Amino acid sequence: MALFDTIVQKRNNFKGYTGEPPVDEADYNARKDAMFDGEVPTWTEIKSEMDNYVDPRVSAKAKLIAGEALTEDEANTIVL
């Protein structure tokens, strides 16, 4: 799954898209109205979330080593 997908699927108004995820602002802007119902996030918002994304598997390992509590997303990455 592409990072773009991980970010936008968290939004309640995301409807999906066909083909490959957008690669830049122009591509996103050309397709965004078909991807969302209602208020559409800007490319800057999406890009910022992608830039700041930390894979839950990575953060879960660090927190377990440090003895810290995990988020639900982090806990879901652990296979017992």
PDB file of N, CA and C in Angstrom:
ATOM      1  N   MET A   1       0.844  -1.169   0.000  1.00  0.00           N
ATOM      2  CA  MET A   1       0.000   0.000   0.000  1.00  0.00           C
ATOM      3  C   MET A   1       0.893   1.237   0.000  1.00  0.00           C
ATOM      4  N   ALA A   2       0.527   2.200  -0.806  1.00  0.00           N
ATOM      5  CA  ALA A   2       1.286   3.445  -0.896  1.00  0.00           C
ATOM      6  C   ALA A   2       1.031   4.308   0.341  1.00  0.00           C
ATOM      7  N   LEU A   3       2.006   5.114   0.699  1.00  0.00           N
ATOM      8  CA  LEU A   3       1.863   6.010   1.847  1.00  0.00           C
ATOM      9  C   LEU A   3       0.675   6.945   1.650  1.00  0.00           C
ATOM     10  N   PHE A   4       0.463   7.408   0.434  1.00  0.00           N
ATOM     11  CA  PHE A   4      -0.703   8.260   0.148  1.00  0.00           C
ATOM     12  C   PHE A   4      -1.976   7.554   0.609  1.00  0.00           C
ATOM     13  N   ASP A   5      -2.116   6.276   0.283  1.00  0.00           N
ATOM     14  CA  ASP A   5      -3.299   5.506   0.661  1.00  0.00           C
ATOM     15  C   ASP A   5      -3.448   5.424   2.174  1.00  0.00           C
ATOM     16  N   THR A   6      -2.363   5.178   2.866  1.00  0.00           N
ATOM     17  CA  THR A   6      -2.382   5.080   4.324  1.00  0.00           C
ATOM     18  C   THR A   6      -2.912   6.371   4.935  1.00  0.00           C
ATOM     19  N   ILE A   7      -2.487   7.501   4.404  1.00  0.00           N
ATOM     20  CA  ILE A   7      -2.891   8.806   4.935  1.00  0.00           C
ATOM     21  C   ILE A   7      -4.351   9.106   4.626  1.00  0.00           C
ATOM     22  N   VAL A   8      -4.761   8.983   3.379  1.00  0.00           N
ATOM     23  CA  VAL A   8      -6.118   9.408   3.010  1.00  0.00           C
ATOM     24  C   VAL A   8      -7.197   8.444   3.487  1.00  0.00           C
ATOM     25  N   GLN A   9      -6.873   7.181   3.680  1.00  0.00           N
ATOM     26  CA  GLN A   9      -7.888   6.232   4.140  1.00  0.00           C
ATOM     27  C   GLN A   9      -8.339   6.498   5.568  1.00  0.00           C
ATOM     28  N   LYS A  10      -7.611   7.318   6.296  1.00  0.00           N
ATOM     29  CA  LYS A  10      -8.004   7.695   7.656  1.00  0.00           C
ATOM     30  C   LYS A  10      -9.118   8.735   7.647  1.00  0.00           C
ATOM     31  N   ARG A  11      -9.360   9.346   6.493  1.00  0.00           N
ATOM     32  CA  ARG A  11     -10.390  10.387   6.390  1.00  0.00           C
ATOM     33  C   ARG A  11     -11.740   9.753   6.073  1.00  0.00           C
ATOM     34  N   ASN A  12     -12.757  10.186   6.802  1.00  0.00           N
ATOM     35  CA  ASN A  12     -14.097   9.621   6.636  1.00  0.00           C
ATOM     36  C   ASN A  12     -14.698   9.908   5.265  1.00  0.00           C
ATOM     37  N   ASN A  13     -14.276  10.975   4.622  1.00  0.00           N
ATOM     38  CA  ASN A  13     -14.881  11.354   3.345  1.00  0.00           C
ATOM     39  C   ASN A  13     -14.104  10.846   2.130  1.00  0.00           C
ATOM     40  N   PHE A  14     -13.116   9.989   2.339  1.00  0.00           N
ATOM     41  CA  PHE A  14     -12.343   9.443   1.221  1.00  0.00           C
ATOM     42  C   PHE A  14     -13.153   8.362   0.522  1.00  0.00           C
ATOM     43  N   LYS A  15     -13.315   8.515  -0.807  1.00  0.00           N
ATOM     44  CA  LYS A  15     -14.100   7.554  -1.597  1.00  0.00           C
ATOM     45  C   LYS A  15     -13.225   6.554  -2.331  1.00  0.00           C
ATOM     46  N   GLY A  16     -11.968   6.885  -2.567  1.00  0.00           N
ATOM     47  CA  GLY A  16     -11.081   6.013  -3.316  1.00  0.00           C
ATOM     48  C   GLY A  16     -10.696   6.626  -4.651  1.00  0.00           C
ATOM     49  N   TYR A  17      -9.925   5.866  -5.423  1.00  0.00           N
ATOM     50  CA  TYR A  17      -9.492   6.296  -6.747  1.00  0.00           C
ATOM     51  C   TYR A  17      -9.110   5.068  -7.541  1.00  0.00           C
ATOM     52  N   THR A  18      -8.952   5.246  -8.835  1.00  0.00           N
ATOM     53  CA  THR A  18      -8.497   4.143  -9.675  1.00  0.00           C
ATOM     54  C   THR A  18      -7.095   4.442 -10.165  1.00  0.00           C
ATOM     55  N   GLY A  19      -6.343   3.408 -10.416  1.00  0.00           N
ATOM     56  CA  GLY A  19      -4.984   3.588 -10.907  1.00  0.00           C
ATOM     57  C   GLY A  19      -3.993   3.816  -9.786  1.00  0.00           C
ATOM     58  N   GLU A  20      -2.939   4.502 -10.114  1.00  0.00           N
ATOM     59  CA  GLU A  20      -1.859   4.783  -9.167  1.00  0.00           C
ATOM     60  C   GLU A  20      -2.185   6.014  -8.325  1.00  0.00           C
ATOM     61  N   PRO A  21      -1.595   6.133  -7.121  1.00  0.00           N
ATOM     62  CA  PRO A  21      -1.832   7.331  -6.317  1.00  0.00           C
ATOM     63  C   PRO A  21      -1.211   8.556  -6.981  1.00  0.00           C
ATOM     64  N   PRO A  22      -1.720   9.740  -6.664  1.00  0.00           N
ATOM     65  CA  PRO A  22      -1.151  10.965  -7.222  1.00  0.00           C
ATOM     66  C   PRO A  22       0.330  11.102  -6.859  1.00  0.00           C
ATOM     67  N   VAL A  23       1.107  11.637  -7.789  1.00  0.00           N
ATOM     68  CA  VAL A  23       2.547  11.757  -7.564  1.00  0.00           C
ATOM     69  C   VAL A  23       2.978  13.176  -7.227  1.00  0.00           C
ATOM     70  N   ASP A  24       2.112  14.153  -7.506  1.00  0.00           N
ATOM     71  CA  ASP A  24       2.462  15.536  -7.205  1.00  0.00           C
ATOM     72  C   ASP A  24       1.185  16.360  -7.082  1.00  0.00           C
ATOM     73  N   GLU A  25       1.339  17.635  -6.797  1.00  0.00           N
ATOM     74  CA  GLU A  25       0.196  18.511  -6.557  1.00  0.00           C
ATOM     75  C   GLU A  25      -0.705  18.634  -7.786  1.00  0.00           C
ATOM     76  N   ALA A  26      -0.124  18.758  -8.962  1.00  0.00           N
ATOM     77  CA  ALA A  26      -0.924  18.894 -10.179  1.00  0.00           C
ATOM     78  C   ALA A  26      -1.765  17.639 -10.412  1.00  0.00           C
ATOM     79  N   ASP A  27      -1.167  16.482 -10.237  1.00  0.00           N
ATOM     80  CA  ASP A  27      -1.877  15.217 -10.396  1.00  0.00           C
ATOM     81  C   ASP A  27      -3.002  15.116  -9.370  1.00  0.00           C
ATOM     82  N   TYR A  28      -2.707  15.444  -8.127  1.00  0.00           N
ATOM     83  CA  TYR A  28      -3.708  15.401  -7.056  1.00  0.00           C
ATOM     84  C   TYR A  28      -4.858  16.346  -7.346  1.00  0.00           C
ATOM     85  N   ASN A  29      -4.542  17.591  -7.708  1.00  0.00           N
ATOM     86  CA  ASN A  29      -5.581  18.587  -7.957  1.00  0.00           C
ATOM     87  C   ASN A  29      -6.503  18.190  -9.102  1.00  0.00           C
ATOM     88  N   ALA A  30      -5.967  17.497 -10.083  1.00  0.00           N
ATOM     89  CA  ALA A  30      -6.777  17.057 -11.215  1.00  0.00           C
ATOM     90  C   ALA A  30      -7.750  15.944 -10.823  1.00  0.00           C
ATOM     91  N   ARG A  31      -7.456  15.224  -9.748  1.00  0.00           N
ATOM     92  CA  ARG A  31      -8.239  14.043  -9.375  1.00  0.00           C
ATOM     93  C   ARG A  31      -8.963  14.145  -8.032  1.00  0.00           C
ATOM     94  N   LYS A  32      -8.656  15.148  -7.245  1.00  0.00           N
ATOM     95  CA  LYS A  32      -9.107  15.187  -5.850  1.00  0.00           C
ATOM     96  C   LYS A  32     -10.620  15.217  -5.665  1.00  0.00           C
ATOM     97  N   ASP A  33     -11.352  15.903  -6.532  1.00  0.00           N
ATOM     98  CA  ASP A  33     -12.806  15.988  -6.345  1.00  0.00           C
ATOM     99  C   ASP A  33     -13.482  14.634  -6.485  1.00  0.00           C
ATOM    100  N   ALA A  34     -12.926  13.752  -7.272  1.00  0.00           N
ATOM    101  CA  ALA A  34     -13.485  12.405  -7.420  1.00  0.00           C
ATOM    102  C   ALA A  34     -13.091  11.499  -6.252  1.00  0.00           C
ATOM    103  N   MET A  35     -12.063  11.883  -5.512  1.00  0.00           N
ATOM    104  CA  MET A  35     -11.566  11.047  -4.410  1.00  0.00           C
ATOM    105  C   MET A  35     -12.296  11.270  -3.094  1.00  0.00           C
ATOM    106  N   PHE A  36     -12.897  12.443  -2.921  1.00  0.00           N
ATOM    107  CA  PHE A  36     -13.469  12.814  -1.628  1.00  0.00           C
ATOM    108  C   PHE A  36     -14.893  13.326  -1.767  1.00  0.00           C
ATOM    109  N   ASP A  37     -15.689  13.108  -0.729  1.00  0.00           N
ATOM    110  CA  ASP A  37     -16.992  13.742  -0.584  1.00  0.00           C
ATOM    111  C   ASP A  37     -16.798  14.969   0.298  1.00  0.00           C
ATOM    112  N   GLY A  38     -17.532  16.025   0.023  1.00  0.00           N
ATOM    113  CA  GLY A  38     -17.474  17.200   0.893  1.00  0.00           C
ATOM    114  C   GLY A  38     -16.148  17.926   0.811  1.00  0.00           C
ATOM    115  N   GLU A  39     -15.643  18.327   1.969  1.00  0.00           N
ATOM    116  CA  GLU A  39     -14.409  19.116   2.039  1.00  0.00           C
ATOM    117  C   GLU A  39     -13.212  18.275   1.610  1.00  0.00           C
ATOM    118  N   VAL A  40     -12.472  18.810   0.673  1.00  0.00           N
ATOM    119  CA  VAL A  40     -11.318  18.107   0.107  1.00  0.00           C
ATOM    120  C   VAL A  40     -10.036  18.671   0.719  1.00  0.00           C
ATOM    121  N   PRO A  41      -9.182  17.818   1.281  1.00  0.00           N
ATOM    122  CA  PRO A  41      -7.918  18.322   1.815  1.00  0.00           C
ATOM    123  C   PRO A  41      -7.007  18.821   0.692  1.00  0.00           C
ATOM    124  N   THR A  42      -6.186  19.785   1.014  1.00  0.00           N
ATOM    125  CA  THR A  42      -5.240  20.298   0.027  1.00  0.00           C
ATOM    126  C   THR A  42      -4.068  19.337  -0.096  1.00  0.00           C
ATOM    127  N   TRP A  43      -3.324  19.465  -1.182  1.00  0.00           N
ATOM    128  CA  TRP A  43      -2.114  18.668  -1.367  1.00  0.00           C
ATOM    129  C   TRP A  43      -1.128  18.964  -0.241  1.00  0.00           C
ATOM    130  N   THR A  44      -1.056  20.222   0.185  1.00  0.00           N
ATOM    131  CA  THR A  44      -0.139  20.597   1.262  1.00  0.00           C
ATOM    132  C   THR A  44      -0.473  19.841   2.546  1.00  0.00           C
ATOM    133  N   GLU A  45      -1.771  19.701   2.851  1.00  0.00           N
ATOM    134  CA  GLU A  45      -2.179  18.943   4.042  1.00  0.00           C
ATOM    135  C   GLU A  45      -1.791  17.467   3.916  1.00  0.00           C
ATOM    136  N   ILE A  46      -2.092  16.885   2.768  1.00  0.00           N
ATOM    137  CA  ILE A  46      -1.771  15.472   2.543  1.00  0.00           C
ATOM    138  C   ILE A  46      -0.263  15.259   2.587  1.00  0.00           C
ATOM    139  N   LYS A  47       0.477  16.109   1.893  1.00  0.00           N
ATOM    140  CA  LYS A  47       1.945  15.992   1.832  1.00  0.00           C
ATOM    141  C   LYS A  47       2.556  16.145   3.220  1.00  0.00           C
ATOM    142  N   SER A  48       2.043  17.076   4.005  1.00  0.00           N
ATOM    143  CA  SER A  48       2.546  17.271   5.367  1.00  0.00           C
ATOM    144  C   SER A  48       2.333  16.020   6.211  1.00  0.00           C
ATOM    145  N   GLU A  49       1.149  15.413   6.097  1.00  0.00           N
ATOM    146  CA  GLU A  49       0.881  14.178   6.839  1.00  0.00           C
ATOM    147  C   GLU A  49       1.795  13.049   6.375  1.00  0.00           C
ATOM    148  N   MET A  50       2.045  12.975   5.078  1.00  0.00           N
ATOM    149  CA  MET A  50       2.943  11.937   4.562  1.00  0.00           C
ATOM    150  C   MET A  50       4.370  12.174   5.058  1.00  0.00           C
ATOM    151  N   ASP A  51       4.802  13.422   5.060  1.00  0.00           N
ATOM    152  CA  ASP A  51       6.159  13.742   5.513  1.00  0.00           C
ATOM    153  C   ASP A  51       6.362  13.444   6.993  1.00  0.00           C
ATOM    154  N   ASN A  52       5.286  13.586   7.790  1.00  0.00           N
ATOM    155  CA  ASN A  52       5.384  13.392   9.236  1.00  0.00           C
ATOM    156  C   ASN A  52       4.976  11.999   9.696  1.00  0.00           C
ATOM    157  N   TYR A  53       4.604  11.137   8.760  1.00  0.00           N
ATOM    158  CA  TYR A  53       4.134   9.798   9.104  1.00  0.00           C
ATOM    159  C   TYR A  53       5.268   8.945   9.671  1.00  0.00           C
ATOM    160  N   VAL A  54       4.967   8.261  10.758  1.00  0.00           N
ATOM    161  CA  VAL A  54       5.894   7.302  11.348  1.00  0.00           C
ATOM    162  C   VAL A  54       5.199   5.946  11.315  1.00  0.00           C
ATOM    163  N   ASP A  55       5.834   4.992  10.705  1.00  0.00           N
ATOM    164  CA  ASP A  55       5.281   3.641  10.601  1.00  0.00           C
ATOM    165  C   ASP A  55       5.039   3.097  12.010  1.00  0.00           C
ATOM    166  N   PRO A  56       3.807   2.641  12.307  1.00  0.00           N
ATOM    167  CA  PRO A  56       3.508   2.122  13.647  1.00  0.00           C
ATOM    168  C   PRO A  56       4.414   0.976  14.080  1.00  0.00           C
ATOM    169  N   ARG A  57       4.918   0.195  13.121  1.00  0.00           N
ATOM    170  CA  ARG A  57       5.827  -0.902  13.487  1.00  0.00           C
ATOM    171  C   ARG A  57       7.121  -0.352  14.072  1.00  0.00           C
ATOM    172  N   VAL A  58       7.587   0.748  13.518  1.00  0.00           N
ATOM    173  CA  VAL A  58       8.833   1.363  13.999  1.00  0.00           C
ATOM    174  C   VAL A  58       8.617   1.987  15.380  1.00  0.00           C
ATOM    175  N   SER A  59       7.539   2.757  15.528  1.00  0.00           N
ATOM    176  CA  SER A  59       7.295   3.408  16.813  1.00  0.00           C
ATOM    177  C   SER A  59       6.933   2.390  17.896  1.00  0.00           C
ATOM    178  N   ALA A  60       6.249   1.301  17.520  1.00  0.00           N
ATOM    179  CA  ALA A  60       5.901   0.275  18.506  1.00  0.00           C
ATOM    180  C   ALA A  60       7.155  -0.361  19.088  1.00  0.00           C
ATOM    181  N   LYS A  61       8.106  -0.676  18.249  1.00  0.00           N
ATOM    182  CA  LYS A  61       9.336  -1.302  18.731  1.00  0.00           C
ATOM    183  C   LYS A  61      10.064  -0.371  19.692  1.00  0.00           C
ATOM    184  N   ALA A  62      10.183   0.892  19.327  1.00  0.00           N
ATOM    185  CA  ALA A  62      10.875   1.858  20.189  1.00  0.00           C
ATOM    186  C   ALA A  62      10.157   2.003  21.532  1.00  0.00           C
ATOM    187  N   LYS A  63       8.833   2.050  21.503  1.00  0.00           N
ATOM    188  CA  LYS A  63       8.080   2.197  22.746  1.00  0.00           C
ATOM    189  C   LYS A  63       8.180   0.947  23.620  1.00  0.00           C
ATOM    190  N   LEU A  64       8.141  -0.224  22.998  1.00  0.00           N
ATOM    191  CA  LEU A  64       8.275  -1.451  23.782  1.00  0.00           C
ATOM    192  C   LEU A  64       9.623  -1.518  24.483  1.00  0.00           C
ATOM    193  N   ILE A  65      10.661  -1.149  23.769  1.00  0.00           N
ATOM    194  CA  ILE A  65      12.003  -1.151  24.355  1.00  0.00           C
ATOM    195  C   ILE A  65      12.084  -0.166  25.517  1.00  0.00           C
ATOM    196  N   ALA A  66      11.405   0.992  25.372  1.00  0.00           N
ATOM    197  CA  ALA A  66      11.437   2.019  26.410  1.00  0.00           C
ATOM    198  C   ALA A  66      10.401   1.785  27.508  1.00  0.00           C
ATOM    199  N   GLY A  67       9.556   0.756  27.358  1.00  0.00           N
ATOM    200  CA  GLY A  67       8.535   0.473  28.367  1.00  0.00           C
ATOM    201  C   GLY A  67       7.368   1.436  28.338  1.00  0.00           C
ATOM    202  N   GLU A  68       7.103   2.052  27.194  1.00  0.00           N
ATOM    203  CA  GLU A  68       6.010   3.017  27.064  1.00  0.00           C
ATOM    204  C   GLU A  68       4.759   2.343  26.515  1.00  0.00           C
ATOM    205  N   ALA A  69       3.610   2.970  26.750  1.00  0.00           N
ATOM    206  CA  ALA A  69       2.332   2.453  26.252  1.00  0.00           C
ATOM    207  C   ALA A  69       2.247   2.625  24.734  1.00  0.00           C
ATOM    208  N   LEU A  70       1.582   1.679  24.078  1.00  0.00           N
ATOM    209  CA  LEU A  70       1.406   1.716  22.629  1.00  0.00           C
ATOM    210  C   LEU A  70       0.047   2.299  22.266  1.00  0.00           C
ATOM    211  N   THR A  71      -0.033   2.916  21.091  1.00  0.00           N
ATOM    212  CA  THR A  71      -1.324   3.312  20.549  1.00  0.00           C
ATOM    213  C   THR A  71      -2.005   2.061  19.999  1.00  0.00           C
ATOM    214  N   GLU A  72      -3.288   2.173  19.665  1.00  0.00           N
ATOM    215  CA  GLU A  72      -3.999   1.024  19.102  1.00  0.00           C
ATOM    216  C   GLU A  72      -3.378   0.595  17.774  1.00  0.00           C
ATOM    217  N   ASP A  73      -3.018   1.562  16.921  1.00  0.00           N
ATOM    218  CA  ASP A  73      -2.375   1.230  15.643  1.00  0.00           C
ATOM    219  C   ASP A  73      -1.070   0.483  15.853  1.00  0.00           C
ATOM    220  N   GLU A  74      -0.293   0.919  16.839  1.00  0.00           N
ATOM    221  CA  GLU A  74       0.974   0.241  17.122  1.00  0.00           C
ATOM    222  C   GLU A  74       0.735  -1.168  17.647  1.00  0.00           C
ATOM    223  N   ALA A  75      -0.232  -1.308  18.535  1.00  0.00           N
ATOM    224  CA  ALA A  75      -0.549  -2.627  19.090  1.00  0.00           C
ATOM    225  C   ALA A  75      -1.028  -3.590  17.999  1.00  0.00           C
ATOM    226  N   ASN A  76      -1.763  -3.060  17.031  1.00  0.00           N
ATOM    227  CA  ASN A  76      -2.264  -3.906  15.951  1.00  0.00           C
ATOM    228  C   ASN A  76      -1.173  -4.432  15.040  1.00  0.00           C
ATOM    229  N   THR A  77      -0.001  -3.847  15.091  1.00  0.00           N
ATOM    230  CA  THR A  77       1.106  -4.310  14.236  1.00  0.00           C
ATOM    231  C   THR A  77       1.823  -5.507  14.833  1.00  0.00           C
ATOM    232  N   ILE A  78       1.573  -5.787  16.091  1.00  0.00           N
ATOM    233  CA  ILE A  78       2.268  -6.879  16.780  1.00  0.00           C
ATOM    234  C   ILE A  78       1.550  -8.196  16.514  1.00  0.00           C
ATOM    235  N   VAL A  79       2.281  -9.173  16.061  1.00  0.00           N
ATOM    236  CA  VAL A  79       1.731 -10.503  15.802  1.00  0.00           C
ATOM    237  C   VAL A  79       2.180 -11.422  16.935  1.00  0.00           C
ATOM    238  N   LEU A  80       1.211 -12.003  17.599  1.00  0.00           N
ATOM    239  CA  LEU A  80       1.543 -12.908  18.712  1.00  0.00           C
ATOM    240  C   LEU A  80       1.387 -14.344  18.284  1.00  0.00           C
TER     241      LEU A  80
END
